[in-house]
Amino acid sequence: MAVPEQTLANVVTSQPRTRVLVDGAVAGLLGALTVALWFLAFDFWRGHPLQTPCLLGEVILHGKCNLAMPLHSSSIMGYTALHFTAFIIFGICGAWLLDVTERERSLLVSVFIFLLAFEVFFVAVVVFLGPAVADAVTWWSVLVGNLLATAVMLTYFFSRHAALGRELLGPWVGVVREGVWAGLIGGSSVAVWFLLYDLALGQPFRTPGLLGAGIFNGLRDPANLQVSAAIVVGYTVVHFTAFILFGLLAAFLLAASEREPLLLLGVFVLFACFEVFFVGFATLVAMSLVEALGWWPIVAGNIMAATAMVAFFLTRHRALRGRMIERWASET
């Protein structure tokens, strides 16, 4: 029995739509679950389990904002349903956009704009809900949760759009991996150095506690420091994020240097700026905190990190030094 042509056309067009809906829903669920687990851990570390979904549920659903209120399961469940629904809608929109981008590559920039809007939107919502909510659910915790969710969702999307992922990331996957590893090595070097330094002073986690309190709580007097797990974890996330971003920048510069060895000079300039940046950043947070930490531990930690990262990069680009000398000689 022959199948009518119109029926076949409907089946062909419905399959991509079904795939977009399923992929978007799954990605949204993964993203929502990632954020939920992040805030579950975040609330647990600061000693207020489930405070974030309860507070947001009370404010959004009932218009109430009281940090001292007891936990209400109805607010938690209501906000959780709203949270997952919003992420599923976002996931479906993202899946549709990627599906269209596979057929029309010029729309690729819209994907990045969409992701940027996603990050800004949720931070803006927290700020819009008022100072009390913004103090309890800090902007940086929302940003970290969204970045984690974005990474998980993109990983899933690119597993479903392998051709697009290879086209976008193919030659750069190794560069990104190299940059991330370099950042983790540099960040770990500084973290271990200050852990040993604080232990020698008999004050474990004092350094991340001071810097974290300065960034997140506006601490200016070191005598008022109260080290908490939330502050230490929050600063650790910021610390490693900064090092990974720096590692990625250095890795991209080194990849470009493989084609034009003279660009290697830019890598040296980057590492010089790296040293100045962290000292300047600590000073910007609060001069009193820098004086409490001491200049030499900060400089020593940064030198250790830079040395470890340079050593890692050298093992990955052994021939680059010789090529730079040859290129320099040809120019002169």
Protein backbone atom coordinates (compact mmCIF):
# COMPACT_ATOMS: atom_id res chain seq x y z
CA MET A 1 0.00 0.00 0.00
CA ALA A 2 1.49 3.36 -1.02
CA VAL A 3 1.89 6.10 1.56
CA PRO A 4 0.57 9.50 0.41
CA GLU A 5 3.31 12.02 -0.38
CA GLN A 6 1.80 14.59 2.00
CA THR A 7 1.96 12.10 4.87
CA LEU A 8 5.62 11.37 4.13
CA ALA A 9 6.38 15.10 4.11
CA ASN A 10 4.69 15.51 7.48
CA VAL A 11 6.75 12.67 8.95
CA VAL A 12 10.01 14.13 7.57
CA THR A 13 9.29 17.59 8.97
CA SER A 14 8.01 16.28 12.32
CA GLN A 15 11.15 14.28 13.07
CA PRO A 16 13.49 17.30 13.33
CA ARG A 17 10.91 19.15 15.42
CA THR A 18 10.59 16.18 17.75
CA ARG A 19 14.37 15.95 18.02
CA VAL A 20 14.62 19.67 18.85
CA LEU A 21 11.97 19.37 21.56
CA VAL A 22 13.54 16.27 23.11
CA ASP A 23 17.10 17.61 22.92
CA GLY A 24 16.02 20.95 24.35
CA ALA A 25 14.05 19.38 27.18
CA VAL A 26 16.91 17.04 28.12
CA ALA A 27 19.46 19.89 27.99
CA GLY A 28 17.16 22.07 30.09
CA LEU A 29 16.72 19.33 32.68
CA LEU A 30 20.49 18.82 32.85
CA GLY A 31 21.10 22.56 33.24
CA ALA A 32 18.40 22.96 35.89
CA LEU A 33 19.72 19.96 37.81
CA THR A 34 23.26 21.38 37.69
CA VAL A 35 22.15 24.72 39.16
CA ALA A 36 19.99 22.98 41.77
CA LEU A 37 22.91 20.81 42.92
CA TRP A 38 25.22 23.84 42.99
CA PHE A 39 22.87 25.82 45.26
CA LEU A 40 22.18 22.76 47.38
CA ALA A 41 25.93 22.51 48.04
CA PHE A 42 26.25 26.31 48.37
CA ASP A 43 23.47 26.52 51.00
CA PHE A 44 24.89 23.51 52.84
CA TRP A 45 28.39 25.04 53.00
CA ARG A 46 27.10 28.29 54.49
CA GLY A 47 24.95 26.47 57.04
CA HIS A 48 21.49 27.23 55.57
CA PRO A 49 20.31 24.14 53.66
CA LEU A 50 17.65 24.86 51.00
CA GLN A 51 17.55 28.57 51.85
CA THR A 52 18.00 29.68 48.21
CA PRO A 53 14.98 27.87 46.65
CA CYS A 54 12.84 28.69 49.70
CA LEU A 55 13.74 32.40 49.65
CA LEU A 56 13.27 32.74 45.89
CA GLY A 57 10.01 30.82 46.08
CA GLU A 58 8.67 33.11 48.81
CA VAL A 59 9.67 36.26 46.94
CA ILE A 60 8.55 35.24 43.44
CA LEU A 61 5.41 33.29 44.35
CA HIS A 62 4.23 35.12 47.48
CA GLY A 63 5.99 38.49 47.45
CA LYS A 64 7.60 37.90 50.85
CA CYS A 65 11.26 38.34 51.78
CA ASN A 66 12.32 37.30 55.27
CA LEU A 67 15.73 35.70 55.74
CA ALA A 68 14.76 34.46 59.20
CA MET A 69 11.64 32.63 58.00
CA PRO A 70 11.38 28.84 58.45
CA LEU A 71 11.59 26.59 55.43
CA HIS A 72 8.31 26.01 53.61
CA SER A 73 8.09 22.93 51.44
CA SER A 74 5.41 24.57 49.27
CA SER A 75 7.75 27.47 48.41
CA ILE A 76 10.63 25.09 47.69
CA MET A 77 8.53 22.84 45.47
CA GLY A 78 6.88 25.78 43.72
CA TYR A 79 10.17 27.46 42.92
CA THR A 80 11.73 24.16 41.85
CA ALA A 81 8.91 23.61 39.36
CA LEU A 82 9.34 27.17 38.05
CA HIS A 83 13.13 26.72 37.90
CA PHE A 84 12.97 23.52 35.84
CA THR A 85 10.26 24.93 33.56
CA ALA A 86 12.36 28.02 32.79
CA PHE A 87 15.42 25.89 31.99
CA ILE A 88 13.42 23.53 29.76
CA ILE A 89 12.09 26.51 27.79
CA PHE A 90 15.63 27.89 27.52
CA GLY A 91 16.91 24.47 26.45
CA ILE A 92 14.29 24.14 23.71
CA CYS A 93 15.14 27.64 22.42
CA GLY A 94 18.83 26.74 22.43
CA ALA A 95 18.20 23.43 20.66
CA TRP A 96 16.13 25.17 17.98
CA LEU A 97 18.83 27.81 17.49
CA LEU A 98 21.55 25.18 17.11
CA ASP A 99 19.39 23.19 14.70
CA VAL A 100 18.95 26.29 12.53
CA THR A 101 22.67 27.13 12.83
CA GLU A 102 23.57 23.70 11.44
CA ARG A 103 21.84 24.70 8.22
CA GLU A 104 22.85 28.37 8.22
CA ARG A 105 26.32 28.98 9.70
CA SER A 106 25.93 32.77 9.53
CA LEU A 107 23.57 32.55 12.51
CA LEU A 108 26.36 31.24 14.72
CA VAL A 109 26.87 34.64 16.36
CA SER A 110 23.28 34.51 17.57
CA VAL A 111 24.14 31.42 19.63
CA PHE A 112 26.80 33.34 21.55
CA ILE A 113 24.46 36.29 22.05
CA PHE A 114 21.82 33.89 23.34
CA LEU A 115 24.26 32.35 25.83
CA LEU A 116 25.40 35.78 27.02
CA ALA A 117 21.79 36.85 27.51
CA PHE A 118 21.21 33.67 29.53
CA GLU A 119 24.03 34.55 31.91
CA VAL A 120 22.95 38.18 32.32
CA PHE A 121 19.24 37.42 32.70
CA PHE A 122 19.43 35.33 35.88
CA VAL A 123 21.87 37.69 37.59
CA ALA A 124 19.58 40.59 36.68
CA VAL A 125 16.57 38.77 38.14
CA VAL A 126 18.32 38.35 41.50
CA VAL A 127 19.34 42.02 41.55
CA PHE A 128 15.80 43.07 40.54
CA LEU A 129 14.24 41.12 43.42
CA GLY A 130 15.85 43.48 45.91
CA PRO A 131 18.92 44.00 48.15
CA ALA A 132 17.84 41.41 50.72
CA VAL A 133 17.65 38.67 48.08
CA ALA A 134 20.87 39.88 46.41
CA ASP A 135 22.67 39.63 49.77
CA ALA A 136 21.44 36.10 50.44
CA VAL A 137 21.73 34.85 46.85
CA THR A 138 24.89 36.63 45.76
CA TRP A 139 25.47 37.58 42.13
CA TRP A 140 28.64 35.53 41.93
CA SER A 141 26.90 32.35 43.14
CA VAL A 142 24.23 32.83 40.44
CA LEU A 143 26.92 33.44 37.82
CA VAL A 144 28.88 30.33 38.85
CA GLY A 145 25.72 28.21 38.77
CA ASN A 146 24.79 29.51 35.33
CA LEU A 147 28.29 28.95 33.95
CA LEU A 148 28.24 25.36 35.21
CA ALA A 149 24.80 24.83 33.69
CA THR A 150 25.92 26.36 30.38
CA ALA A 151 28.95 24.06 30.24
CA VAL A 152 26.80 20.98 30.90
CA MET A 153 24.15 21.99 28.36
CA LEU A 154 26.69 22.83 25.65
CA THR A 155 28.42 19.49 26.22
CA TYR A 156 25.11 17.73 25.66
CA PHE A 157 24.18 19.89 22.65
CA PHE A 158 27.50 19.32 20.91
CA SER A 159 27.22 15.58 21.54
CA ARG A 160 23.94 15.77 19.60
CA HIS A 161 25.36 18.09 16.93
CA ALA A 162 28.75 16.46 16.48
CA ALA A 163 29.36 17.92 13.02
CA LEU A 164 28.74 21.46 14.24
CA GLY A 165 30.93 20.86 17.27
CA ARG A 166 33.79 19.56 15.13
CA GLU A 167 33.48 22.51 12.77
CA LEU A 168 33.48 25.05 15.60
CA LEU A 169 35.94 23.43 17.96
CA GLY A 170 37.80 20.84 15.88
CA PRO A 171 41.30 22.38 15.74
CA TRP A 172 40.83 24.21 19.04
CA VAL A 173 39.80 21.32 21.28
CA GLY A 174 43.46 20.55 22.07
CA VAL A 175 44.20 24.23 22.66
CA VAL A 176 41.29 24.56 25.08
CA ARG A 177 42.32 21.39 26.89
CA GLU A 178 45.88 22.68 27.17
CA GLY A 179 44.71 26.05 28.51
CA VAL A 180 42.44 24.45 31.10
CA TRP A 181 45.21 22.15 32.33
CA ALA A 182 47.66 25.05 32.51
CA GLY A 183 45.14 27.09 34.51
CA LEU A 184 44.49 24.20 36.89
CA ILE A 185 48.24 23.71 37.38
CA GLY A 186 48.82 27.41 38.07
CA GLY A 187 45.78 27.73 40.33
CA SER A 188 46.76 24.60 42.28
CA SER A 189 50.31 25.88 42.74
CA VAL A 190 49.08 29.08 44.38
CA ALA A 191 46.41 27.26 46.40
CA VAL A 192 48.90 24.73 47.81
CA TRP A 193 51.45 27.50 48.53
CA PHE A 194 48.97 29.56 50.57
CA LEU A 195 47.58 26.47 52.28
CA LEU A 196 51.09 25.62 53.53
CA TYR A 197 51.74 29.28 54.38
CA ASP A 198 48.52 29.56 56.41
CA LEU A 199 49.21 26.25 58.17
CA ALA A 200 52.68 27.50 59.11
CA LEU A 201 51.03 30.55 60.70
CA GLY A 202 48.57 28.33 62.52
CA GLN A 203 45.60 29.88 60.67
CA PRO A 204 44.28 27.40 58.06
CA PHE A 205 42.49 28.97 55.06
CA ARG A 206 43.19 32.51 56.27
CA THR A 207 44.32 33.74 52.84
CA PRO A 208 41.28 32.59 50.81
CA GLY A 209 39.11 33.69 53.74
CA LEU A 210 40.56 37.22 53.69
CA LEU A 211 40.38 37.63 49.92
CA GLY A 212 36.96 36.01 49.68
CA ALA A 213 35.53 38.19 52.45
CA GLY A 214 37.07 41.25 50.78
CA ILE A 215 35.48 40.42 47.42
CA PHE A 216 32.10 39.10 48.49
CA ASN A 217 31.43 40.81 51.82
CA GLY A 218 33.41 44.03 51.45
CA LEU A 219 35.68 43.24 54.40
CA ARG A 220 38.29 45.93 55.02
CA ASP A 221 39.47 45.20 58.57
CA PRO A 222 41.34 41.87 58.83
CA ALA A 223 40.59 41.77 62.57
CA ASN A 224 36.91 41.17 61.74
CA LEU A 225 37.61 38.13 59.57
CA GLN A 226 35.44 35.07 60.20
CA VAL A 227 36.55 32.21 57.97
CA SER A 228 33.61 30.18 56.67
CA ALA A 229 33.34 27.31 54.22
CA ALA A 230 31.13 29.37 51.91
CA ILE A 231 33.68 32.19 51.65
CA VAL A 232 36.60 29.81 51.11
CA VAL A 233 34.74 27.75 48.47
CA GLY A 234 33.45 30.88 46.75
CA TYR A 235 36.91 32.42 46.51
CA THR A 236 38.39 29.09 45.38
CA VAL A 237 35.92 28.98 42.48
CA VAL A 238 36.82 32.57 41.49
CA HIS A 239 40.54 31.79 41.91
CA PHE A 240 40.53 28.76 39.61
CA THR A 241 38.21 30.44 37.12
CA ALA A 242 40.66 33.34 36.79
CA PHE A 243 43.62 30.98 36.32
CA ILE A 244 41.77 28.88 33.74
CA LEU A 245 40.85 32.00 31.76
CA PHE A 246 44.49 33.10 31.86
CA GLY A 247 45.62 29.61 30.84
CA LEU A 248 43.22 29.66 27.89
CA LEU A 249 44.51 33.06 26.76
CA ALA A 250 48.11 31.85 26.98
CA ALA A 251 47.25 28.63 25.12
CA PHE A 252 45.60 30.54 22.27
CA LEU A 253 48.61 32.84 22.01
CA LEU A 254 50.95 29.85 21.89
CA ALA A 255 48.80 28.20 19.21
CA ALA A 256 49.05 31.39 17.15
CA SER A 257 52.83 31.45 17.80
CA GLU A 258 53.14 28.06 16.10
CA ARG A 259 52.20 29.87 12.87
CA GLU A 260 53.97 33.16 13.63
CA PRO A 261 56.82 32.54 16.12
CA LEU A 262 57.30 36.27 16.81
CA LEU A 263 53.94 36.23 18.62
CA LEU A 264 55.73 34.30 21.34
CA LEU A 265 56.86 37.70 22.63
CA GLY A 266 53.20 38.34 23.40
CA VAL A 267 53.21 35.31 25.70
CA PHE A 268 56.08 36.77 27.72
CA VAL A 269 54.25 40.09 27.95
CA LEU A 270 51.13 38.22 29.06
CA PHE A 271 52.97 36.49 31.90
CA ALA A 272 54.50 39.83 32.97
CA CYS A 273 51.00 41.34 33.07
CA PHE A 274 49.87 38.25 34.99
CA GLU A 275 52.25 39.05 37.83
CA VAL A 276 51.22 42.71 37.96
CA PHE A 277 47.51 41.93 37.69
CA PHE A 278 47.18 39.78 40.80
CA VAL A 279 49.16 42.18 42.97
CA GLY A 280 47.09 45.07 41.64
CA PHE A 281 43.86 43.13 42.11
CA ALA A 282 44.66 42.36 45.75
CA THR A 283 45.47 46.04 46.31
CA LEU A 284 42.21 47.05 44.67
CA VAL A 285 40.20 44.78 46.96
CA ALA A 286 41.70 46.39 50.07
CA MET A 287 45.16 47.65 50.88
CA SER A 288 44.69 46.60 54.51
CA LEU A 289 44.16 42.98 53.41
CA VAL A 290 47.34 43.07 51.33
CA GLU A 291 49.27 44.37 54.32
CA ALA A 292 47.78 41.59 56.47
CA LEU A 293 48.79 38.96 53.92
CA GLY A 294 52.18 40.48 53.14
CA TRP A 295 53.61 41.34 49.73
CA TRP A 296 56.19 38.61 49.50
CA PRO A 297 53.79 35.61 49.88
CA ILE A 298 51.61 37.00 47.05
CA VAL A 299 54.58 37.59 44.73
CA ALA A 300 56.13 34.22 45.64
CA GLY A 301 52.84 32.40 44.94
CA ASN A 302 52.47 34.08 41.56
CA ILE A 303 56.07 33.27 40.58
CA MET A 304 55.49 29.61 41.50
CA ALA A 305 52.30 29.53 39.43
CA ALA A 306 53.95 31.20 36.44
CA THR A 307 56.93 28.82 36.64
CA ALA A 308 54.67 25.76 36.78
CA MET A 309 52.56 26.97 33.85
CA VAL A 310 55.59 27.88 31.71
CA ALA A 311 57.13 24.47 32.41
CA PHE A 312 53.88 22.79 31.33
CA PHE A 313 53.67 24.86 28.14
CA LEU A 314 57.32 24.15 27.29
CA THR A 315 56.69 20.42 27.40
CA ARG A 316 53.90 20.95 24.87
CA HIS A 317 55.79 23.31 22.54
CA ARG A 318 59.38 22.07 22.55
CA ALA A 319 60.22 23.20 19.00
CA LEU A 320 58.76 26.70 19.33
CA ARG A 321 61.86 28.30 20.87
CA GLY A 322 64.09 27.19 17.97
CA ARG A 323 61.54 28.36 15.42
CA MET A 324 61.34 31.77 17.09
CA ILE A 325 65.14 32.18 16.95
CA GLU A 326 65.12 31.24 13.25
CA ARG A 327 62.27 33.66 12.55
CA TRP A 328 64.01 36.45 14.47
CA ALA A 329 67.25 35.82 12.54
CA SER A 330 65.43 36.00 9.22
CA GLU A 331 63.94 39.37 10.17
CA THR A 332 67.34 40.83 11.10
